[in-house]
Amino acid sequence: MTIRVLLADEQDLVRAGFRMLIDSESDRTVVAEASDGAEAVHLAREIRAGPAARPDSLNPAASG
């Protein structure tokens, strides 16, 4: 079973680093990336993502 991950962070470099770590595991794959909270919510609904862990600083109204 593959764990599907949606990455969300305002910094491209941070997302790229997490993508490398996640993609290095055979049972995990990044299915989408978002640069802010609103985009993350939209993508999660679009790809029908499962459970999520969301830091308080990443809310839909966040500017990035």
C-alpha atoms as a PDB file:
ATOM      1  CA  MET A   1       0.000   0.000   0.000  1.00  0.00           C
ATOM      2  CA  THR A   2       1.390   3.388  -1.015  1.00  0.00           C
ATOM      3  CA  ILE A   3       0.977   6.405   1.237  1.00  0.00           C
ATOM      4  CA  ARG A   4      -0.051   9.412  -0.870  1.00  0.00           C
ATOM      5  CA  VAL A   5       1.275  12.759   0.363  1.00  0.00           C
ATOM      6  CA  LEU A   6       0.234  16.340  -0.385  1.00  0.00           C
ATOM      7  CA  LEU A   7       3.082  18.719   0.499  1.00  0.00           C
ATOM      8  CA  ALA A   8       2.273  22.258   1.593  1.00  0.00           C
ATOM      9  CA  ASP A   9       4.823  24.946   2.394  1.00  0.00           C
ATOM     10  CA  GLU A  10       5.344  28.484   1.160  1.00  0.00           C
ATOM     11  CA  GLN A  11       9.006  27.864   0.303  1.00  0.00           C
ATOM     12  CA  ASP A  12       9.911  25.902  -2.835  1.00  0.00           C
ATOM     13  CA  LEU A  13      13.189  24.723  -1.307  1.00  0.00           C
ATOM     14  CA  VAL A  14      11.457  23.274   1.762  1.00  0.00           C
ATOM     15  CA  ARG A  15       8.931  21.425  -0.412  1.00  0.00           C
ATOM     16  CA  ALA A  16      11.733  20.102  -2.600  1.00  0.00           C
ATOM     17  CA  GLY A  17      13.601  18.793   0.445  1.00  0.00           C
ATOM     18  CA  PHE A  18      10.552  17.043   1.836  1.00  0.00           C
ATOM     19  CA  ARG A  19       9.769  15.639  -1.624  1.00  0.00           C
ATOM     20  CA  MET A  20      13.243  14.088  -1.800  1.00  0.00           C
ATOM     21  CA  LEU A  21      12.814  12.495   1.634  1.00  0.00           C
ATOM     22  CA  ILE A  22       9.308  11.209   0.923  1.00  0.00           C
ATOM     23  CA  ASP A  23      10.128   9.935  -2.566  1.00  0.00           C
ATOM     24  CA  SER A  24      13.134   8.035  -1.208  1.00  0.00           C
ATOM     25  CA  GLU A  25      10.722   5.674   0.568  1.00  0.00           C
ATOM     26  CA  SER A  26       9.219   2.952  -1.608  1.00  0.00           C
ATOM     27  CA  ASP A  27       5.852   3.057   0.150  1.00  0.00           C
ATOM     28  CA  ARG A  28       5.310   6.839  -0.145  1.00  0.00           C
ATOM     29  CA  THR A  29       4.702   9.179  -3.046  1.00  0.00           C
ATOM     30  CA  VAL A  30       4.016  12.924  -3.373  1.00  0.00           C
ATOM     31  CA  VAL A  31       0.790  13.416  -5.319  1.00  0.00           C
ATOM     32  CA  ALA A  32       0.542  17.218  -5.102  1.00  0.00           C
ATOM     33  CA  GLU A  33       2.289  20.330  -3.802  1.00  0.00           C
ATOM     34  CA  ALA A  34       0.791  23.565  -2.511  1.00  0.00           C
ATOM     35  CA  SER A  35       2.420  26.896  -1.712  1.00  0.00           C
ATOM     36  CA  ASP A  36      -0.238  28.094   0.770  1.00  0.00           C
ATOM     37  CA  GLY A  37      -3.124  26.898   2.877  1.00  0.00           C
ATOM     38  CA  ALA A  38      -5.885  27.772   0.428  1.00  0.00           C
ATOM     39  CA  GLU A  39      -4.163  25.866  -2.372  1.00  0.00           C
ATOM     40  CA  ALA A  40      -3.593  22.896  -0.045  1.00  0.00           C
ATOM     41  CA  VAL A  41      -7.290  22.740   0.842  1.00  0.00           C
ATOM     42  CA  HIS A  42      -8.289  22.984  -2.827  1.00  0.00           C
ATOM     43  CA  LEU A  43      -5.847  20.236  -3.854  1.00  0.00           C
ATOM     44  CA  ALA A  44      -6.831  17.988  -0.948  1.00  0.00           C
ATOM     45  CA  ARG A  45     -10.445  18.144  -2.091  1.00  0.00           C
ATOM     46  CA  GLU A  46      -9.470  17.672  -5.740  1.00  0.00           C
ATOM     47  CA  ILE A  47      -7.314  14.589  -5.174  1.00  0.00           C
ATOM     48  CA  ARG A  48      -9.605  13.331  -2.409  1.00  0.00           C
ATOM     49  CA  ALA A  49      -6.805  13.166   0.101  1.00  0.00           C
ATOM     50  CA  GLY A  50      -7.140  11.129   3.249  1.00  0.00           C
ATOM     51  CA  PRO A  51      -6.047  12.085   6.772  1.00  0.00           C
ATOM     52  CA  ALA A  52      -3.981  15.239   7.111  1.00  0.00           C
ATOM     53  CA  ALA A  53      -1.540  16.793   9.532  1.00  0.00           C
ATOM     54  CA  ARG A  54      -1.647  20.572   9.365  1.00  0.00           C
ATOM     55  CA  PRO A  55       0.421  22.997  11.394  1.00  0.00           C
ATOM     56  CA  ASP A  56      -1.545  25.904  12.883  1.00  0.00           C
ATOM     57  CA  SER A  57       0.450  28.358  10.781  1.00  0.00           C
ATOM     58  CA  LEU A  58      -0.855  26.820   7.550  1.00  0.00           C
ATOM     59  CA  ASN A  59      -4.453  27.927   7.409  1.00  0.00           C
ATOM     60  CA  PRO A  60      -6.603  28.625   4.324  1.00  0.00           C
ATOM     61  CA  ALA A  61      -6.386  32.374   4.894  1.00  0.00           C
ATOM     62  CA  ALA A  62      -2.574  32.361   5.125  1.00  0.00           C
ATOM     63  CA  SER A  63      -0.880  34.595   2.603  1.00  0.00           C
ATOM     64  CA  GLY A  64       1.921  32.123   1.984  1.00  0.00           C
END
